[in-house]
Amino acid sequence: MKKSIFLGVVGFALMGTMAVAGSVADPVIEAPVVVEAATSSSSGEVLVLMLALLMILPVVD
């Protein structure tokens, strides 16, 4: 009976040492992502007008 309790305690102790939540290596910290805003806002309006003209042309003919 004492041997089985001793073996159980030793087994739990060994299982506890095998479980590792992390690694031994240093953590890797990545650089933050930088988002740049577009500087030109008029090109979008021109593109919409050009697409609208291209869509109207087949209807006119």
PDB file of N, CA and C in Angstrom:
ATOM      1  N   MET A   1       0.823  -1.185   0.000  1.00  0.00           N
ATOM      2  CA  MET A   1       0.000   0.000   0.000  1.00  0.00           C
ATOM      3  C   MET A   1       0.872   1.256   0.000  1.00  0.00           C
ATOM      4  N   LYS A   2       1.909   1.270   0.830  1.00  0.00           N
ATOM      5  CA  LYS A   2       2.792   2.427   0.888  1.00  0.00           C
ATOM      6  C   LYS A   2       3.548   2.597  -0.427  1.00  0.00           C
ATOM      7  N   LYS A   3       3.879   1.459  -1.068  1.00  0.00           N
ATOM      8  CA  LYS A   3       4.609   1.553  -2.332  1.00  0.00           C
ATOM      9  C   LYS A   3       3.727   2.150  -3.429  1.00  0.00           C
ATOM     10  N   SER A   4       2.446   1.791  -3.446  1.00  0.00           N
ATOM     11  CA  SER A   4       1.564   2.319  -4.490  1.00  0.00           C
ATOM     12  C   SER A   4       1.332   3.821  -4.294  1.00  0.00           C
ATOM     13  N   ILE A   5       1.215   4.261  -3.061  1.00  0.00           N
ATOM     14  CA  ILE A   5       1.060   5.698  -2.800  1.00  0.00           C
ATOM     15  C   ILE A   5       2.334   6.430  -3.194  1.00  0.00           C
ATOM     16  N   PHE A   6       3.482   5.861  -2.846  1.00  0.00           N
ATOM     17  CA  PHE A   6       4.770   6.465  -3.191  1.00  0.00           C
ATOM     18  C   PHE A   6       4.915   6.553  -4.717  1.00  0.00           C
ATOM     19  N   LEU A   7       4.569   5.485  -5.430  1.00  0.00           N
ATOM     20  CA  LEU A   7       4.678   5.488  -6.886  1.00  0.00           C
ATOM     21  C   LEU A   7       3.693   6.500  -7.503  1.00  0.00           C
ATOM     22  N   GLY A   8       2.531   6.630  -6.899  1.00  0.00           N
ATOM     23  CA  GLY A   8       1.569   7.617  -7.392  1.00  0.00           C
ATOM     24  C   GLY A   8       2.083   9.034  -7.222  1.00  0.00           C
ATOM     25  N   VAL A   9       2.663   9.321  -6.074  1.00  0.00           N
ATOM     26  CA  VAL A   9       3.209  10.656  -5.824  1.00  0.00           C
ATOM     27  C   VAL A   9       4.373  10.932  -6.769  1.00  0.00           C
ATOM     28  N   VAL A  10       5.241   9.954  -6.961  1.00  0.00           N
ATOM     29  CA  VAL A  10       6.385  10.134  -7.871  1.00  0.00           C
ATOM     30  C   VAL A  10       5.883  10.320  -9.303  1.00  0.00           C
ATOM     31  N   GLY A  11       4.855   9.560  -9.684  1.00  0.00           N
ATOM     32  CA  GLY A  11       4.292   9.696 -11.033  1.00  0.00           C
ATOM     33  C   GLY A  11       3.716  11.078 -11.271  1.00  0.00           C
ATOM     34  N   PHE A  12       2.952  11.599 -10.311  1.00  0.00           N
ATOM     35  CA  PHE A  12       2.405  12.950 -10.447  1.00  0.00           C
ATOM     36  C   PHE A  12       3.504  14.005 -10.469  1.00  0.00           C
ATOM     37  N   ALA A  13       4.562  13.791  -9.689  1.00  0.00           N
ATOM     38  CA  ALA A  13       5.672  14.743  -9.667  1.00  0.00           C
ATOM     39  C   ALA A  13       6.375  14.765 -11.021  1.00  0.00           C
ATOM     40  N   LEU A  14       6.555  13.603 -11.629  1.00  0.00           N
ATOM     41  CA  LEU A  14       7.214  13.549 -12.935  1.00  0.00           C
ATOM     42  C   LEU A  14       6.325  14.148 -14.022  1.00  0.00           C
ATOM     43  N   MET A  15       5.033  13.918 -13.918  1.00  0.00           N
ATOM     44  CA  MET A  15       4.125  14.499 -14.910  1.00  0.00           C
ATOM     45  C   MET A  15       4.101  16.020 -14.803  1.00  0.00           C
ATOM     46  N   GLY A  16       4.233  16.542 -13.620  1.00  0.00           N
ATOM     47  CA  GLY A  16       4.235  17.984 -13.426  1.00  0.00           C
ATOM     48  C   GLY A  16       5.472  18.646 -13.991  1.00  0.00           C
ATOM     49  N   THR A  17       6.597  17.960 -13.969  1.00  0.00           N
ATOM     50  CA  THR A  17       7.818  18.551 -14.512  1.00  0.00           C
ATOM     51  C   THR A  17       7.846  18.481 -16.030  1.00  0.00           C
ATOM     52  N   MET A  18       7.085  17.574 -16.624  1.00  0.00           N
ATOM     53  CA  MET A  18       7.080  17.468 -18.085  1.00  0.00           C
ATOM     54  C   MET A  18       6.184  18.529 -18.725  1.00  0.00           C
ATOM     55  N   ALA A  19       5.205  19.017 -18.021  1.00  0.00           N
ATOM     56  CA  ALA A  19       4.290  19.998 -18.590  1.00  0.00           C
ATOM     57  C   ALA A  19       4.932  21.384 -18.533  1.00  0.00           C
ATOM     58  N   VAL A  20       5.188  21.974 -19.697  1.00  0.00           N
ATOM     59  CA  VAL A  20       5.804  23.295 -19.783  1.00  0.00           C
ATOM     60  C   VAL A  20       4.847  24.197 -20.538  1.00  0.00           C
ATOM     61  N   ALA A  21       4.510  25.335 -19.970  1.00  0.00           N
ATOM     62  CA  ALA A  21       3.547  26.240 -20.582  1.00  0.00           C
ATOM     63  C   ALA A  21       4.176  27.123 -21.643  1.00  0.00           C
ATOM     64  N   GLY A  22       5.464  27.278 -21.651  1.00  0.00           N
ATOM     65  CA  GLY A  22       6.128  28.141 -22.621  1.00  0.00           C
ATOM     66  C   GLY A  22       7.415  27.516 -23.077  1.00  0.00           C
ATOM     67  N   SER A  23       8.310  28.334 -23.573  1.00  0.00           N
ATOM     68  CA  SER A  23       9.608  27.818 -23.984  1.00  0.00           C
ATOM     69  C   SER A  23      10.699  28.544 -23.216  1.00  0.00           C
ATOM     70  N   VAL A  24      11.886  28.047 -23.347  1.00  0.00           N
ATOM     71  CA  VAL A  24      13.023  28.630 -22.637  1.00  0.00           C
ATOM     72  C   VAL A  24      13.584  29.813 -23.419  1.00  0.00           C
ATOM     73  N   ALA A  25      13.244  29.899 -24.710  1.00  0.00           N
ATOM     74  CA  ALA A  25      13.767  30.968 -25.561  1.00  0.00           C
ATOM     75  C   ALA A  25      13.137  32.310 -25.191  1.00  0.00           C
ATOM     76  N   ASP A  26      13.850  33.385 -25.518  1.00  0.00           N
ATOM     77  CA  ASP A  26      13.336  34.730 -25.276  1.00  0.00           C
ATOM     78  C   ASP A  26      12.148  35.003 -26.190  1.00  0.00           C
ATOM     79  N   PRO A  27      11.174  35.771 -25.729  1.00  0.00           N
ATOM     80  CA  PRO A  27      10.026  36.077 -26.581  1.00  0.00           C
ATOM     81  C   PRO A  27      10.426  36.989 -27.738  1.00  0.00           C
ATOM     82  N   VAL A  28       9.779  36.799 -28.878  1.00  0.00           N
ATOM     83  CA  VAL A  28      10.046  37.610 -30.064  1.00  0.00           C
ATOM     84  C   VAL A  28       8.982  38.696 -30.132  1.00  0.00           C
ATOM     85  N   ILE A  29       9.428  39.944 -30.135  1.00  0.00           N
ATOM     86  CA  ILE A  29       8.513  41.078 -30.199  1.00  0.00           C
ATOM     87  C   ILE A  29       8.606  41.663 -31.605  1.00  0.00           C
ATOM     88  N   GLU A  30       7.474  41.664 -32.319  1.00  0.00           N
ATOM     89  CA  GLU A  30       7.460  42.183 -33.681  1.00  0.00           C
ATOM     90  C   GLU A  30       7.235  43.689 -33.673  1.00  0.00           C
ATOM     91  N   ALA A  31       7.727  44.328 -34.724  1.00  0.00           N
ATOM     92  CA  ALA A  31       7.571  45.779 -34.857  1.00  0.00           C
ATOM     93  C   ALA A  31       6.112  46.105 -35.154  1.00  0.00           C
ATOM     94  N   PRO A  32       5.606  47.236 -34.659  1.00  0.00           N
ATOM     95  CA  PRO A  32       4.209  47.608 -34.943  1.00  0.00           C
ATOM     96  C   PRO A  32       4.015  47.930 -36.425  1.00  0.00           C
ATOM     97  N   VAL A  33       2.823  47.679 -36.919  1.00  0.00           N
ATOM     98  CA  VAL A  33       2.491  47.944 -38.323  1.00  0.00           C
ATOM     99  C   VAL A  33       2.147  49.417 -38.483  1.00  0.00           C
ATOM    100  N   VAL A  34       2.756  50.057 -39.481  1.00  0.00           N
ATOM    101  CA  VAL A  34       2.522  51.474 -39.740  1.00  0.00           C
ATOM    102  C   VAL A  34       1.659  51.590 -40.989  1.00  0.00           C
ATOM    103  N   VAL A  35       0.528  52.277 -40.879  1.00  0.00           N
ATOM    104  CA  VAL A  35      -0.377  52.464 -42.001  1.00  0.00           C
ATOM    105  C   VAL A  35      -0.307  53.926 -42.434  1.00  0.00           C
ATOM    106  N   GLU A  36       0.000  54.129 -43.709  1.00  0.00           N
ATOM    107  CA  GLU A  36       0.084  55.490 -44.221  1.00  0.00           C
ATOM    108  C   GLU A  36      -1.185  55.820 -44.991  1.00  0.00           C
ATOM    109  N   ALA A  37      -1.677  57.018 -44.804  1.00  0.00           N
ATOM    110  CA  ALA A  37      -2.876  57.460 -45.505  1.00  0.00           C
ATOM    111  C   ALA A  37      -2.500  57.955 -46.898  1.00  0.00           C
ATOM    112  N   ALA A  38      -3.418  57.801 -47.835  1.00  0.00           N
ATOM    113  CA  ALA A  38      -3.184  58.281 -49.197  1.00  0.00           C
ATOM    114  C   ALA A  38      -3.207  59.812 -49.208  1.00  0.00           C
ATOM    115  N   THR A  39      -2.378  60.413 -50.043  1.00  0.00           N
ATOM    116  CA  THR A  39      -2.290  61.868 -50.081  1.00  0.00           C
ATOM    117  C   THR A  39      -3.173  62.463 -51.170  1.00  0.00           C
ATOM    118  N   SER A  40      -3.524  61.682 -52.182  1.00  0.00           N
ATOM    119  CA  SER A  40      -4.307  62.213 -53.294  1.00  0.00           C
ATOM    120  C   SER A  40      -5.753  61.752 -53.171  1.00  0.00           C
ATOM    121  N   SER A  41      -6.695  62.699 -53.181  1.00  0.00           N
ATOM    122  CA  SER A  41      -8.103  62.346 -53.070  1.00  0.00           C
ATOM    123  C   SER A  41      -8.869  62.629 -54.358  1.00  0.00           C
ATOM    124  N   SER A  42      -8.296  63.402 -55.285  1.00  0.00           N
ATOM    125  CA  SER A  42      -9.020  63.763 -56.500  1.00  0.00           C
ATOM    126  C   SER A  42      -8.995  62.635 -57.531  1.00  0.00           C
ATOM    127  N   SER A  43      -8.077  61.711 -57.463  1.00  0.00           N
ATOM    128  CA  SER A  43      -7.990  60.645 -58.472  1.00  0.00           C
ATOM    129  C   SER A  43      -9.192  59.719 -58.401  1.00  0.00           C
ATOM    130  N   GLY A  44      -9.807  59.566 -57.251  1.00  0.00           N
ATOM    131  CA  GLY A  44     -10.979  58.713 -57.112  1.00  0.00           C
ATOM    132  C   GLY A  44     -12.176  59.278 -57.851  1.00  0.00           C
ATOM    133  N   GLU A  45     -12.351  60.585 -57.813  1.00  0.00           N
ATOM    134  CA  GLU A  45     -13.477  61.227 -58.501  1.00  0.00           C
ATOM    135  C   GLU A  45     -13.330  61.100 -60.007  1.00  0.00           C
ATOM    136  N   VAL A  46     -12.129  61.256 -60.493  1.00  0.00           N
ATOM    137  CA  VAL A  46     -11.891  61.159 -61.932  1.00  0.00           C
ATOM    138  C   VAL A  46     -12.148  59.733 -62.398  1.00  0.00           C
ATOM    139  N   LEU A  47     -11.745  58.762 -61.631  1.00  0.00           N
ATOM    140  CA  LEU A  47     -11.950  57.363 -61.996  1.00  0.00           C
ATOM    141  C   LEU A  47     -13.440  57.025 -62.054  1.00  0.00           C
ATOM    142  N   VAL A  48     -14.221  57.519 -61.129  1.00  0.00           N
ATOM    143  CA  VAL A  48     -15.662  57.264 -61.123  1.00  0.00           C
ATOM    144  C   VAL A  48     -16.317  57.903 -62.342  1.00  0.00           C
ATOM    145  N   LEU A  49     -15.924  59.127 -62.679  1.00  0.00           N
ATOM    146  CA  LEU A  49     -16.487  59.788 -63.857  1.00  0.00           C
ATOM    147  C   LEU A  49     -16.128  59.060 -65.146  1.00  0.00           C
ATOM    148  N   MET A  50     -14.892  58.574 -65.255  1.00  0.00           N
ATOM    149  CA  MET A  50     -14.467  57.833 -66.457  1.00  0.00           C
ATOM    150  C   MET A  50     -15.257  56.538 -66.582  1.00  0.00           C
ATOM    151  N   LEU A  51     -15.462  55.833 -65.496  1.00  0.00           N
ATOM    152  CA  LEU A  51     -16.236  54.593 -65.543  1.00  0.00           C
ATOM    153  C   LEU A  51     -17.692  54.870 -65.901  1.00  0.00           C
ATOM    154  N   ALA A  52     -18.239  55.952 -65.404  1.00  0.00           N
ATOM    155  CA  ALA A  52     -19.618  56.315 -65.722  1.00  0.00           C
ATOM    156  C   ALA A  52     -19.741  56.611 -67.221  1.00  0.00           C
ATOM    157  N   LEU A  53     -18.772  57.318 -67.797  1.00  0.00           N
ATOM    158  CA  LEU A  53     -18.794  57.595 -69.245  1.00  0.00           C
ATOM    159  C   LEU A  53     -18.678  56.323 -70.055  1.00  0.00           C
ATOM    160  N   LEU A  54     -17.848  55.385 -69.627  1.00  0.00           N
ATOM    161  CA  LEU A  54     -17.707  54.120 -70.342  1.00  0.00           C
ATOM    162  C   LEU A  54     -18.988  53.298 -70.280  1.00  0.00           C
ATOM    163  N   MET A  55     -19.743  53.416 -69.217  1.00  0.00           N
ATOM    164  CA  MET A  55     -20.987  52.674 -69.099  1.00  0.00           C
ATOM    165  C   MET A  55     -22.101  53.330 -69.912  1.00  0.00           C
ATOM    166  N   ILE A  56     -22.056  54.645 -70.097  1.00  0.00           N
ATOM    167  CA  ILE A  56     -23.083  55.356 -70.857  1.00  0.00           C
ATOM    168  C   ILE A  56     -22.873  55.182 -72.369  1.00  0.00           C
ATOM    169  N   LEU A  57     -21.641  55.061 -72.828  1.00  0.00           N
ATOM    170  CA  LEU A  57     -21.350  54.979 -74.264  1.00  0.00           C
ATOM    171  C   LEU A  57     -22.105  53.874 -74.986  1.00  0.00           C
ATOM    172  N   PRO A  58     -22.191  52.630 -74.502  1.00  0.00           N
ATOM    173  CA  PRO A  58     -22.948  51.597 -75.215  1.00  0.00           C
ATOM    174  C   PRO A  58     -24.447  51.905 -75.291  1.00  0.00           C
ATOM    175  N   VAL A  59     -24.978  52.605 -74.325  1.00  0.00           N
ATOM    176  CA  VAL A  59     -26.407  52.934 -74.322  1.00  0.00           C
ATOM    177  C   VAL A  59     -26.715  53.984 -75.378  1.00  0.00           C
ATOM    178  N   VAL A  60     -25.797  54.946 -75.603  1.00  0.00           N
ATOM    179  CA  VAL A  60     -26.002  56.047 -76.535  1.00  0.00           C
ATOM    180  C   VAL A  60     -25.996  55.540 -77.971  1.00  0.00           C
ATOM    181  N   ASP A  61     -25.160  54.579 -78.306  1.00  0.00           N
ATOM    182  CA  ASP A  61     -25.050  54.117 -79.702  1.00  0.00           C
ATOM    183  C   ASP A  61     -26.256  53.424 -80.153  1.00  0.00           C
TER     184      ASP A  61
END
